[in-house]
C-alpha atoms as a PDB file:
ATOM      1  CA  MET A   1      72.282  14.861  75.843  1.00  0.00           C
ATOM      2  CA  SER A   2      69.671  17.113  74.581  1.00  0.00           C
ATOM      3  CA  THR A   3      66.611  15.619  72.904  1.00  0.00           C
ATOM      4  CA  HIS A   4      65.601  18.912  71.437  1.00  0.00           C
ATOM      5  CA  LYS A   5      64.154  18.404  67.979  1.00  0.00           C
ATOM      6  CA  ASN A   6      64.528  21.000  65.333  1.00  0.00           C
ATOM      7  CA  ARG A   7      60.960  22.123  64.664  1.00  0.00           C
ATOM      8  CA  THR A   8      60.252  24.385  61.743  1.00  0.00           C
ATOM      9  CA  VAL A   9      57.096  26.186  60.850  1.00  0.00           C
ATOM     10  CA  MET A  10      55.549  25.162  57.574  1.00  0.00           C
ATOM     11  CA  ALA A  11      55.061  28.366  55.620  1.00  0.00           C
ATOM     12  CA  GLU A  12      53.506  26.814  52.485  1.00  0.00           C
ATOM     13  CA  ILE A  13      49.778  26.391  51.888  1.00  0.00           C
ATOM     14  CA  ASN A  14      48.655  22.930  50.863  1.00  0.00           C
ATOM     15  CA  MET A  15      46.689  23.445  47.618  1.00  0.00           C
ATOM     16  CA  VAL A  16      45.525  19.835  47.101  1.00  0.00           C
ATOM     17  CA  PRO A  17      42.269  20.095  49.142  1.00  0.00           C
ATOM     18  CA  PHE A  18      41.427  23.396  47.422  1.00  0.00           C
ATOM     19  CA  ILE A  19      41.939  21.845  43.974  1.00  0.00           C
ATOM     20  CA  ASP A  20      39.832  18.796  44.933  1.00  0.00           C
ATOM     21  CA  ILE A  21      36.920  20.965  46.023  1.00  0.00           C
ATOM     22  CA  THR A  22      37.204  23.099  42.882  1.00  0.00           C
ATOM     23  CA  LEU A  23      37.104  20.058  40.607  1.00  0.00           C
ATOM     24  CA  ILE A  24      34.090  18.626  42.457  1.00  0.00           C
ATOM     25  CA  LEU A  25      32.234  21.930  42.063  1.00  0.00           C
ATOM     26  CA  LEU A  26      33.174  22.037  38.374  1.00  0.00           C
ATOM     27  CA  ILE A  27      31.736  18.555  37.849  1.00  0.00           C
ATOM     28  CA  ILE A  28      28.517  19.498  39.668  1.00  0.00           C
ATOM     29  CA  PHE A  29      28.075  22.622  37.535  1.00  0.00           C
ATOM     30  CA  MET A  30      28.777  20.669  34.340  1.00  0.00           C
ATOM     31  CA  VAL A  31      26.075  18.159  35.217  1.00  0.00           C
ATOM     32  CA  MET A  32      23.530  20.764  36.319  1.00  0.00           C
ATOM     33  CA  SER A  33      23.928  23.295  33.486  1.00  0.00           C
ATOM     34  CA  PRO A  34      22.076  21.276  30.780  1.00  0.00           C
ATOM     35  CA  LEU A  35      19.205  20.755  33.208  1.00  0.00           C
ATOM     36  CA  LEU A  36      18.977  24.454  33.981  1.00  0.00           C
ATOM     37  CA  VAL A  37      19.031  25.393  30.298  1.00  0.00           C
ATOM     38  CA  GLN A  38      16.376  22.808  29.479  1.00  0.00           C
ATOM     39  CA  MET A  39      14.052  24.159  32.183  1.00  0.00           C
ATOM     40  CA  GLN A  40      14.219  27.651  30.676  1.00  0.00           C
ATOM     41  CA  LEU A  41      13.340  26.686  27.094  1.00  0.00           C
ATOM     42  CA  THR A  42      10.088  28.077  25.771  1.00  0.00           C
ATOM     43  CA  VAL A  43       7.915  25.832  23.659  1.00  0.00           C
ATOM     44  CA  ASP A  44       5.351  27.109  21.210  1.00  0.00           C
ATOM     45  CA  LEU A  45       2.925  24.284  20.462  1.00  0.00           C
ATOM     46  CA  PRO A  46       0.875  22.789  18.808  1.00  0.00           C
ATOM     47  CA  LYS A  47       1.843  23.474  15.171  1.00  0.00           C
ATOM     48  CA  SER A  48       4.197  21.296  13.153  1.00  0.00           C
ATOM     49  CA  GLN A  49       5.564  21.153   9.602  1.00  0.00           C
ATOM     50  CA  SER A  50       5.172  17.391   9.279  1.00  0.00           C
ATOM     51  CA  VAL A  51       2.446  15.323  10.798  1.00  0.00           C
ATOM     52  CA  ASN A  52       3.273  11.665  11.399  1.00  0.00           C
ATOM     53  CA  THR A  53       0.562   9.306  10.215  1.00  0.00           C
ATOM     54  CA  GLN A  54       0.074   5.764  11.439  1.00  0.00           C
ATOM     55  CA  ALA A  55      -2.488   3.026  10.896  1.00  0.00           C
ATOM     56  CA  GLU A  56      -5.748   4.160  12.475  1.00  0.00           C
ATOM     57  CA  ASP A  57      -6.493   0.828  14.175  1.00  0.00           C
ATOM     58  CA  ASP A  58      -3.316   1.075  16.274  1.00  0.00           C
ATOM     59  CA  VAL A  59      -4.030   4.619  17.502  1.00  0.00           C
ATOM     60  CA  ILE A  60      -6.262   5.548  20.424  1.00  0.00           C
ATOM     61  CA  ARG A  61      -7.086   9.259  20.264  1.00  0.00           C
ATOM     62  CA  ILE A  62      -7.741  11.178  23.465  1.00  0.00           C
ATOM     63  CA  GLU A  63      -8.875  14.789  23.197  1.00  0.00           C
ATOM     64  CA  VAL A  64      -8.557  17.319  26.006  1.00  0.00           C
ATOM     65  CA  GLU A  65     -10.736  20.366  25.477  1.00  0.00           C
ATOM     66  CA  LYS A  66     -10.044  23.904  26.652  1.00  0.00           C
ATOM     67  CA  ASN A  67     -12.460  23.550  29.590  1.00  0.00           C
ATOM     68  CA  GLY A  68     -10.692  20.366  30.765  1.00  0.00           C
ATOM     69  CA  THR A  69     -13.143  17.814  29.364  1.00  0.00           C
ATOM     70  CA  ILE A  70     -11.504  14.547  28.308  1.00  0.00           C
ATOM     71  CA  LEU A  71     -12.978  12.842  25.239  1.00  0.00           C
ATOM     72  CA  LEU A  72     -12.237   9.317  24.076  1.00  0.00           C
ATOM     73  CA  GLN A  73     -13.958   8.734  20.734  1.00  0.00           C
ATOM     74  CA  ASN A  74     -16.521  11.479  21.512  1.00  0.00           C
ATOM     75  CA  LYS A  75     -17.294   9.984  24.937  1.00  0.00           C
ATOM     76  CA  LYS A  76     -16.849  12.403  27.861  1.00  0.00           C
ATOM     77  CA  LEU A  77     -14.744  10.956  30.673  1.00  0.00           C
ATOM     78  CA  THR A  78     -13.066  11.897  33.914  1.00  0.00           C
ATOM     79  CA  LEU A  79      -9.450  10.966  34.600  1.00  0.00           C
ATOM     80  CA  LYS A  80     -10.529   7.950  36.687  1.00  0.00           C
ATOM     81  CA  ASN A  81     -12.951   6.741  34.008  1.00  0.00           C
ATOM     82  CA  LEU A  82     -10.256   7.225  31.366  1.00  0.00           C
ATOM     83  CA  GLU A  83      -8.157   4.488  32.945  1.00  0.00           C
ATOM     84  CA  ARG A  84     -11.059   2.025  32.849  1.00  0.00           C
ATOM     85  CA  GLU A  85     -11.902   2.889  29.222  1.00  0.00           C
ATOM     86  CA  LEU A  86      -8.287   2.549  28.126  1.00  0.00           C
ATOM     87  CA  ILE A  87      -8.066  -0.882  29.759  1.00  0.00           C
ATOM     88  CA  LEU A  88     -11.060  -1.960  27.679  1.00  0.00           C
ATOM     89  CA  ARG A  89      -9.728  -0.461  24.443  1.00  0.00           C
ATOM     90  CA  MET A  90      -6.134  -1.607  24.789  1.00  0.00           C
ATOM     91  CA  GLY A  91      -6.994  -5.149  25.788  1.00  0.00           C
ATOM     92  CA  LYS A  92      -4.107  -7.563  26.010  1.00  0.00           C
ATOM     93  CA  ALA A  93      -2.400  -6.143  22.926  1.00  0.00           C
ATOM     94  CA  ASN A  94      -0.378  -3.318  24.420  1.00  0.00           C
ATOM     95  CA  LYS A  95       1.083  -2.380  21.039  1.00  0.00           C
ATOM     96  CA  LYS A  96      -1.299   0.559  20.766  1.00  0.00           C
ATOM     97  CA  THR A  97      -0.279   4.170  20.410  1.00  0.00           C
ATOM     98  CA  ILE A  98      -1.949   6.788  22.587  1.00  0.00           C
ATOM     99  CA  LEU A  99      -2.331  10.137  20.816  1.00  0.00           C
ATOM    100  CA  VAL A 100      -3.317  13.061  23.038  1.00  0.00           C
ATOM    101  CA  GLN A 101      -4.802  16.013  21.183  1.00  0.00           C
ATOM    102  CA  ALA A 102      -5.067  18.908  23.583  1.00  0.00           C
ATOM    103  CA  ASP A 103      -6.074  22.509  23.096  1.00  0.00           C
ATOM    104  CA  LYS A 104      -3.007  24.713  23.417  1.00  0.00           C
ATOM    105  CA  GLU A 105      -4.646  26.571  26.325  1.00  0.00           C
ATOM    106  CA  VAL A 106      -4.965  23.372  28.406  1.00  0.00           C
ATOM    107  CA  PRO A 107      -2.568  23.273  31.391  1.00  0.00           C
ATOM    108  CA  ILE A 108       0.329  20.917  30.737  1.00  0.00           C
ATOM    109  CA  GLN A 109      -0.334  19.102  34.030  1.00  0.00           C
ATOM    110  CA  GLN A 110      -3.605  17.764  32.642  1.00  0.00           C
ATOM    111  CA  VAL A 111      -1.855  16.388  29.544  1.00  0.00           C
ATOM    112  CA  VAL A 112       0.844  14.824  31.744  1.00  0.00           C
ATOM    113  CA  SER A 113      -1.867  13.190  33.875  1.00  0.00           C
ATOM    114  CA  VAL A 114      -3.346  11.589  30.747  1.00  0.00           C
ATOM    115  CA  PHE A 115       0.144  10.398  29.755  1.00  0.00           C
ATOM    116  CA  ASP A 116       0.646   8.943  33.241  1.00  0.00           C
ATOM    117  CA  VAL A 117      -2.551   6.906  32.958  1.00  0.00           C
ATOM    118  CA  ALA A 118      -1.564   5.611  29.516  1.00  0.00           C
ATOM    119  CA  LYS A 119       1.982   4.758  30.575  1.00  0.00           C
ATOM    120  CA  LYS A 120       0.734   2.974  33.682  1.00  0.00           C
ATOM    121  CA  LEU A 121      -1.399   0.748  31.461  1.00  0.00           C
ATOM    122  CA  GLY A 122       1.607  -0.121  29.292  1.00  0.00           C
ATOM    123  CA  ALA A 123       0.997   1.835  26.101  1.00  0.00           C
ATOM    124  CA  ALA A 124       3.661   1.129  23.491  1.00  0.00           C
ATOM    125  CA  LYS A 125       3.966   4.737  22.304  1.00  0.00           C
ATOM    126  CA  LEU A 126       2.724   8.096  23.495  1.00  0.00           C
ATOM    127  CA  GLY A 127       2.269  11.102  21.240  1.00  0.00           C
ATOM    128  CA  ILE A 128       0.952  14.646  21.156  1.00  0.00           C
ATOM    129  CA  GLY A 129      -1.349  15.576  18.309  1.00  0.00           C
ATOM    130  CA  VAL A 130      -0.496  18.759  16.435  1.00  0.00           C
ATOM    131  CA  LEU A 131      -1.959  20.653  13.522  1.00  0.00           C
ATOM    132  CA  SER A 132      -0.001  21.241  10.363  1.00  0.00           C
ATOM    133  CA  LYS A 133       0.943  24.875   9.780  1.00  0.00           C
ATOM    134  CA  SER A 134      -1.198  25.027   6.645  1.00  0.00           C
ATOM    135  CA  GLU A 135      -4.403  24.499   8.643  1.00  0.00           C
END
C-alpha cells in the first residue's frame, strides 16, 4: 500500500491580508487628514466683525505688548508673577473670564503660556481680545 498523498501547488494568491492592510492604512489616513489640513491653515488676527461684550466685573484683562511685557490692569508682570496675581484676583470664585489682548506681532507661544497659567488656575472661560474692523 502506498501512502503517497496527492499534493498540489496552490497557484492562487491570498488577498485577505492585503485587503486588511489596505483598510487599516485607509483608516489611518482618514483620521490624520483633518489634522494635517488644520495645521496648514493660515490665521489673520486680530480683527473681527463682532466683538463679544460681557460684564466687566467678571473679566480679567491681560495685555501682552509687542516687546513681551505682560500687563494686568496696567501693572507690569513676569509670567511667574502673573500666576500669583491671578490667584489674588480670581479668589475662590473661579467663574471669571480671562481675556488676553495681545499685539498681533507677539509670538503665539507667549499667548499660549498666559492661557496655560489661567487654565491651571481654573478660569471658567478663556478669550482672545480683538479689535473691530471699524477701528
